[in-house]
Amino acid sequence: MVNNALAILPDAVHFRKLLLMIYRKQALKIIQSALENHPDNQMFLDQLLDLQKDLLTATGLKGGH
């Protein structure tokens, strides 16, 4: 549905952000699944950390209050 919305409104920033968030969450699930099978794989661990940082930044969470 988000892709359809972007086809209709290609300049709609909020749809682009939503799609990016969906892709990030899917990538996170894939990396977590890979780590279940290969818990010592440094590449997967690095990607997990990068994705988690990216998700925190994207959601605007800043420190603890």
PDB file of N, CA and C in Angstrom:
ATOM      1  N   MET A   1       0.827  -1.186   0.000  1.00  0.00           N
ATOM      2  CA  MET A   1       0.000   0.000   0.000  1.00  0.00           C
ATOM      3  C   MET A   1       0.877   1.258   0.000  1.00  0.00           C
ATOM      4  N   VAL A   2       1.986   1.175   0.742  1.00  0.00           N
ATOM      5  CA  VAL A   2       2.870   2.340   0.796  1.00  0.00           C
ATOM      6  C   VAL A   2       3.495   2.582  -0.574  1.00  0.00           C
ATOM      7  N   ASN A   3       3.872   1.514  -1.256  1.00  0.00           N
ATOM      8  CA  ASN A   3       4.417   1.676  -2.610  1.00  0.00           C
ATOM      9  C   ASN A   3       3.381   2.299  -3.549  1.00  0.00           C
ATOM     10  N   ASN A   4       2.129   1.890  -3.411  1.00  0.00           N
ATOM     11  CA  ASN A   4       1.067   2.479  -4.229  1.00  0.00           C
ATOM     12  C   ASN A   4       0.899   3.959  -3.917  1.00  0.00           C
ATOM     13  N   ALA A   5       0.961   4.295  -2.639  1.00  0.00           N
ATOM     14  CA  ALA A   5       0.842   5.699  -2.245  1.00  0.00           C
ATOM     15  C   ALA A   5       1.986   6.515  -2.829  1.00  0.00           C
ATOM     16  N   LEU A   6       3.192   5.947  -2.828  1.00  0.00           N
ATOM     17  CA  LEU A   6       4.331   6.655  -3.403  1.00  0.00           C
ATOM     18  C   LEU A   6       4.221   6.789  -4.917  1.00  0.00           C
ATOM     19  N   ALA A   7       3.581   5.821  -5.553  1.00  0.00           N
ATOM     20  CA  ALA A   7       3.378   5.922  -6.998  1.00  0.00           C
ATOM     21  C   ALA A   7       2.439   7.080  -7.319  1.00  0.00           C
ATOM     22  N   ILE A   8       1.468   7.305  -6.441  1.00  0.00           N
ATOM     23  CA  ILE A   8       0.512   8.390  -6.645  1.00  0.00           C
ATOM     24  C   ILE A   8       1.105   9.725  -6.212  1.00  0.00           C
ATOM     25  N   LEU A   9       1.801   9.718  -5.077  1.00  0.00           N
ATOM     26  CA  LEU A   9       2.394  10.940  -4.517  1.00  0.00           C
ATOM     27  C   LEU A   9       3.895  10.733  -4.307  1.00  0.00           C
ATOM     28  N   PRO A  10       4.683  10.765  -5.380  1.00  0.00           N
ATOM     29  CA  PRO A  10       6.107  10.444  -5.265  1.00  0.00           C
ATOM     30  C   PRO A  10       6.908  11.393  -4.374  1.00  0.00           C
ATOM     31  N   ASP A  11       6.397  12.575  -4.109  1.00  0.00           N
ATOM     32  CA  ASP A  11       7.114  13.529  -3.268  1.00  0.00           C
ATOM     33  C   ASP A  11       6.663  13.509  -1.807  1.00  0.00           C
ATOM     34  N   ALA A  12       5.816  12.566  -1.453  1.00  0.00           N
ATOM     35  CA  ALA A  12       5.290  12.490  -0.089  1.00  0.00           C
ATOM     36  C   ALA A  12       6.365  11.924   0.846  1.00  0.00           C
ATOM     37  N   VAL A  13       7.003  12.800   1.589  1.00  0.00           N
ATOM     38  CA  VAL A  13       8.111  12.424   2.456  1.00  0.00           C
ATOM     39  C   VAL A  13       7.669  11.437   3.531  1.00  0.00           C
ATOM     40  N   HIS A  14       6.489  11.631   4.092  1.00  0.00           N
ATOM     41  CA  HIS A  14       6.041  10.743   5.170  1.00  0.00           C
ATOM     42  C   HIS A  14       5.885   9.305   4.694  1.00  0.00           C
ATOM     43  N   PHE A  15       5.490   9.088   3.424  1.00  0.00           N
ATOM     44  CA  PHE A  15       5.402   7.725   2.899  1.00  0.00           C
ATOM     45  C   PHE A  15       6.791   7.133   2.697  1.00  0.00           C
ATOM     46  N   ARG A  16       7.733   7.948   2.255  1.00  0.00           N
ATOM     47  CA  ARG A  16       9.118   7.482   2.087  1.00  0.00           C
ATOM     48  C   ARG A  16       9.710   7.078   3.435  1.00  0.00           C
ATOM     49  N   LYS A  17       9.459   7.878   4.461  1.00  0.00           N
ATOM     50  CA  LYS A  17       9.967   7.559   5.796  1.00  0.00           C
ATOM     51  C   LYS A  17       9.335   6.276   6.321  1.00  0.00           C
ATOM     52  N   LEU A  18       8.048   6.110   6.085  1.00  0.00           N
ATOM     53  CA  LEU A  18       7.360   4.902   6.521  1.00  0.00           C
ATOM     54  C   LEU A  18       7.938   3.671   5.828  1.00  0.00           C
ATOM     55  N   LEU A  19       8.148   3.752   4.529  1.00  0.00           N
ATOM     56  CA  LEU A  19       8.703   2.632   3.783  1.00  0.00           C
ATOM     57  C   LEU A  19      10.109   2.297   4.272  1.00  0.00           C
ATOM     58  N   LEU A  20      10.900   3.308   4.532  1.00  0.00           N
ATOM     59  CA  LEU A  20      12.244   3.094   5.056  1.00  0.00           C
ATOM     60  C   LEU A  20      12.195   2.408   6.422  1.00  0.00           C
ATOM     61  N   MET A  21      11.275   2.802   7.266  1.00  0.00           N
ATOM     62  CA  MET A  21      11.130   2.177   8.580  1.00  0.00           C
ATOM     63  C   MET A  21      10.725   0.709   8.434  1.00  0.00           C
ATOM     64  N   ILE A  22       9.831   0.417   7.514  1.00  0.00           N
ATOM     65  CA  ILE A  22       9.406  -0.967   7.272  1.00  0.00           C
ATOM     66  C   ILE A  22      10.602  -1.803   6.825  1.00  0.00           C
ATOM     67  N   TYR A  23      11.402  -1.277   5.892  1.00  0.00           N
ATOM     68  CA  TYR A  23      12.566  -2.009   5.408  1.00  0.00           C
ATOM     69  C   TYR A  23      13.592  -2.221   6.522  1.00  0.00           C
ATOM     70  N   ARG A  24      13.781  -1.222   7.354  1.00  0.00           N
ATOM     71  CA  ARG A  24      14.720  -1.364   8.478  1.00  0.00           C
ATOM     72  C   ARG A  24      14.267  -2.471   9.424  1.00  0.00           C
ATOM     73  N   LYS A  25      12.992  -2.494   9.742  1.00  0.00           N
ATOM     74  CA  LYS A  25      12.479  -3.508  10.671  1.00  0.00           C
ATOM     75  C   LYS A  25      12.569  -4.905  10.069  1.00  0.00           C
ATOM     76  N   GLN A  26      12.321  -5.018   8.769  1.00  0.00           N
ATOM     77  CA  GLN A  26      12.458  -6.318   8.108  1.00  0.00           C
ATOM     78  C   GLN A  26      13.920  -6.771   8.123  1.00  0.00           C
ATOM     79  N   ALA A  27      14.821  -5.859   7.848  1.00  0.00           N
ATOM     80  CA  ALA A  27      16.246  -6.192   7.874  1.00  0.00           C
ATOM     81  C   ALA A  27      16.663  -6.621   9.276  1.00  0.00           C
ATOM     82  N   LEU A  28      16.148  -5.950  10.289  1.00  0.00           N
ATOM     83  CA  LEU A  28      16.460  -6.298  11.672  1.00  0.00           C
ATOM     84  C   LEU A  28      16.007  -7.726  11.981  1.00  0.00           C
ATOM     85  N   LYS A  29      14.822  -8.102  11.545  1.00  0.00           N
ATOM     86  CA  LYS A  29      14.328  -9.462  11.771  1.00  0.00           C
ATOM     87  C   LYS A  29      15.207 -10.491  11.065  1.00  0.00           C
ATOM     88  N   ILE A  30      15.648 -10.177   9.859  1.00  0.00           N
ATOM     89  CA  ILE A  30      16.497 -11.093   9.106  1.00  0.00           C
ATOM     90  C   ILE A  30      17.836 -11.285   9.816  1.00  0.00           C
ATOM     91  N   ILE A  31      18.430 -10.191  10.280  1.00  0.00           N
ATOM     92  CA  ILE A  31      19.708 -10.263  10.988  1.00  0.00           C
ATOM     93  C   ILE A  31      19.549 -11.035  12.298  1.00  0.00           C
ATOM     94  N   GLN A  32      18.474 -10.794  13.023  1.00  0.00           N
ATOM     95  CA  GLN A  32      18.246 -11.525  14.277  1.00  0.00           C
ATOM     96  C   GLN A  32      18.096 -13.021  14.013  1.00  0.00           C
ATOM     97  N   SER A  33      17.415 -13.365  12.956  1.00  0.00           N
ATOM     98  CA  SER A  33      17.256 -14.771  12.591  1.00  0.00           C
ATOM     99  C   SER A  33      18.606 -15.385  12.215  1.00  0.00           C
ATOM    100  N   ALA A  34      19.397 -14.648  11.471  1.00  0.00           N
ATOM    101  CA  ALA A  34      20.722 -15.139  11.084  1.00  0.00           C
ATOM    102  C   ALA A  34      21.588 -15.368  12.319  1.00  0.00           C
ATOM    103  N   LEU A  35      21.465 -14.478  13.306  1.00  0.00           N
ATOM    104  CA  LEU A  35      22.252 -14.621  14.528  1.00  0.00           C
ATOM    105  C   LEU A  35      21.811 -15.819  15.373  1.00  0.00           C
ATOM    106  N   GLU A  36      20.563 -16.218  15.251  1.00  0.00           N
ATOM    107  CA  GLU A  36      20.114 -17.417  15.956  1.00  0.00           C
ATOM    108  C   GLU A  36      20.873 -18.639  15.448  1.00  0.00           C
ATOM    109  N   ASN A  37      21.169 -18.653  14.160  1.00  0.00           N
ATOM    110  CA  ASN A  37      21.878 -19.772  13.554  1.00  0.00           C
ATOM    111  C   ASN A  37      23.396 -19.610  13.605  1.00  0.00           C
ATOM    112  N   HIS A  38      23.872 -18.375  13.669  1.00  0.00           N
ATOM    113  CA  HIS A  38      25.308 -18.085  13.653  1.00  0.00           C
ATOM    114  C   HIS A  38      25.617 -17.004  14.690  1.00  0.00           C
ATOM    115  N   PRO A  39      25.496 -17.332  15.977  1.00  0.00           N
ATOM    116  CA  PRO A  39      25.612 -16.315  17.030  1.00  0.00           C
ATOM    117  C   PRO A  39      26.990 -15.652  17.137  1.00  0.00           C
ATOM    118  N   ASP A  40      28.015 -16.269  16.601  1.00  0.00           N
ATOM    119  CA  ASP A  40      29.359 -15.702  16.706  1.00  0.00           C
ATOM    120  C   ASP A  40      29.813 -14.986  15.440  1.00  0.00           C
ATOM    121  N   ASN A  41      28.921 -14.825  14.485  1.00  0.00           N
ATOM    122  CA  ASN A  41      29.284 -14.180  13.229  1.00  0.00           C
ATOM    123  C   ASN A  41      29.412 -12.674  13.439  1.00  0.00           C
ATOM    124  N   GLN A  42      30.625 -12.167  13.341  1.00  0.00           N
ATOM    125  CA  GLN A  42      30.883 -10.755  13.628  1.00  0.00           C
ATOM    126  C   GLN A  42      30.183  -9.825  12.638  1.00  0.00           C
ATOM    127  N   MET A  43      30.091 -10.228  11.383  1.00  0.00           N
ATOM    128  CA  MET A  43      29.421  -9.393  10.387  1.00  0.00           C
ATOM    129  C   MET A  43      27.942  -9.192  10.760  1.00  0.00           C
ATOM    130  N   PHE A  44      27.277 -10.278  11.171  1.00  0.00           N
ATOM    131  CA  PHE A  44      25.881 -10.174  11.586  1.00  0.00           C
ATOM    132  C   PHE A  44      25.745  -9.318  12.840  1.00  0.00           C
ATOM    133  N   LEU A  45      26.665  -9.489  13.786  1.00  0.00           N
ATOM    134  CA  LEU A  45      26.631  -8.681  15.007  1.00  0.00           C
ATOM    135  C   LEU A  45      26.803  -7.198  14.697  1.00  0.00           C
ATOM    136  N   ASP A  46      27.732  -6.885  13.799  1.00  0.00           N
ATOM    137  CA  ASP A  46      27.957  -5.489  13.407  1.00  0.00           C
ATOM    138  C   ASP A  46      26.726  -4.906  12.719  1.00  0.00           C
ATOM    139  N   GLN A  47      26.118  -5.693  11.843  1.00  0.00           N
ATOM    140  CA  GLN A  47      24.924  -5.216  11.148  1.00  0.00           C
ATOM    141  C   GLN A  47      23.769  -5.016  12.117  1.00  0.00           C
ATOM    142  N   LEU A  48      23.662  -5.891  13.105  1.00  0.00           N
ATOM    143  CA  LEU A  48      22.613  -5.742  14.118  1.00  0.00           C
ATOM    144  C   LEU A  48      22.791  -4.427  14.873  1.00  0.00           C
ATOM    145  N   LEU A  49      24.004  -4.143  15.287  1.00  0.00           N
ATOM    146  CA  LEU A  49      24.267  -2.886  15.996  1.00  0.00           C
ATOM    147  C   LEU A  49      23.968  -1.680  15.115  1.00  0.00           C
ATOM    148  N   ASP A  50      24.390  -1.742  13.875  1.00  0.00           N
ATOM    149  CA  ASP A  50      24.133  -0.625  12.953  1.00  0.00           C
ATOM    150  C   ASP A  50      22.640  -0.392  12.754  1.00  0.00           C
ATOM    151  N   LEU A  51      21.901  -1.473  12.563  1.00  0.00           N
ATOM    152  CA  LEU A  51      20.449  -1.350  12.366  1.00  0.00           C
ATOM    153  C   LEU A  51      19.758  -0.813  13.613  1.00  0.00           C
ATOM    154  N   GLN A  52      20.182  -1.286  14.775  1.00  0.00           N
ATOM    155  CA  GLN A  52      19.563  -0.802  16.008  1.00  0.00           C
ATOM    156  C   GLN A  52      19.844   0.689  16.208  1.00  0.00           C
ATOM    157  N   LYS A  53      21.063   1.119  15.941  1.00  0.00           N
ATOM    158  CA  LYS A  53      21.390   2.546  16.034  1.00  0.00           C
ATOM    159  C   LYS A  53      20.569   3.346  15.031  1.00  0.00           C
ATOM    160  N   ASP A  54      20.458   2.815  13.828  1.00  0.00           N
ATOM    161  CA  ASP A  54      19.707   3.494  12.776  1.00  0.00           C
ATOM    162  C   ASP A  54      18.236   3.627  13.162  1.00  0.00           C
ATOM    163  N   LEU A  55      17.663   2.578  13.727  1.00  0.00           N
ATOM    164  CA  LEU A  55      16.259   2.632  14.151  1.00  0.00           C
ATOM    165  C   LEU A  55      16.063   3.639  15.275  1.00  0.00           C
ATOM    166  N   LEU A  56      16.989   3.679  16.218  1.00  0.00           N
ATOM    167  CA  LEU A  56      16.879   4.659  17.299  1.00  0.00           C
ATOM    168  C   LEU A  56      16.955   6.081  16.757  1.00  0.00           C
ATOM    169  N   THR A  57      17.851   6.309  15.841  1.00  0.00           N
ATOM    170  CA  THR A  57      17.997   7.633  15.248  1.00  0.00           C
ATOM    171  C   THR A  57      16.748   8.009  14.449  1.00  0.00           C
ATOM    172  N   ALA A  58      16.234   7.050  13.697  1.00  0.00           N
ATOM    173  CA  ALA A  58      15.076   7.308  12.835  1.00  0.00           C
ATOM    174  C   ALA A  58      13.819   7.595  13.634  1.00  0.00           C
ATOM    175  N   THR A  59      13.698   6.997  14.820  1.00  0.00           N
ATOM    176  CA  THR A  59      12.498   7.215  15.611  1.00  0.00           C
ATOM    177  C   THR A  59      12.620   8.437  16.495  1.00  0.00           C
ATOM    178  N   GLY A  60      13.797   9.051  16.490  1.00  0.00           N
ATOM    179  CA  GLY A  60      13.968  10.278  17.242  1.00  0.00           C
ATOM    180  C   GLY A  60      14.170  10.089  18.732  1.00  0.00           C
ATOM    181  N   LEU A  61      14.506   8.878  19.149  1.00  0.00           N
ATOM    182  CA  LEU A  61      14.726   8.641  20.561  1.00  0.00           C
ATOM    183  C   LEU A  61      16.104   9.163  20.953  1.00  0.00           C
ATOM    184  N   LYS A  62      16.131  10.020  21.942  1.00  0.00           N
ATOM    185  CA  LYS A  62      17.377  10.623  22.380  1.00  0.00           C
ATOM    186  C   LYS A  62      17.538  10.428  23.879  1.00  0.00           C
ATOM    187  N   GLY A  63      18.430   9.556  24.284  1.00  0.00           N
ATOM    188  CA  GLY A  63      18.748   9.386  25.694  1.00  0.00           C
ATOM    189  C   GLY A  63      17.548   9.024  26.555  1.00  0.00           C
ATOM    190  N   GLY A  64      17.781   8.905  27.851  1.00  0.00           N
ATOM    191  CA  GLY A  64      16.704   8.590  28.782  1.00  0.00           C
ATOM    192  C   GLY A  64      16.219   9.838  29.494  1.00  0.00           C
ATOM    193  N   HIS A  65      14.938   9.916  29.722  1.00  0.00           N
ATOM    194  CA  HIS A  65      14.369  11.084  30.412  1.00  0.00           C
ATOM    195  C   HIS A  65      13.700  10.658  31.681  1.00  0.00           C
TER     196      HIS A  65
END
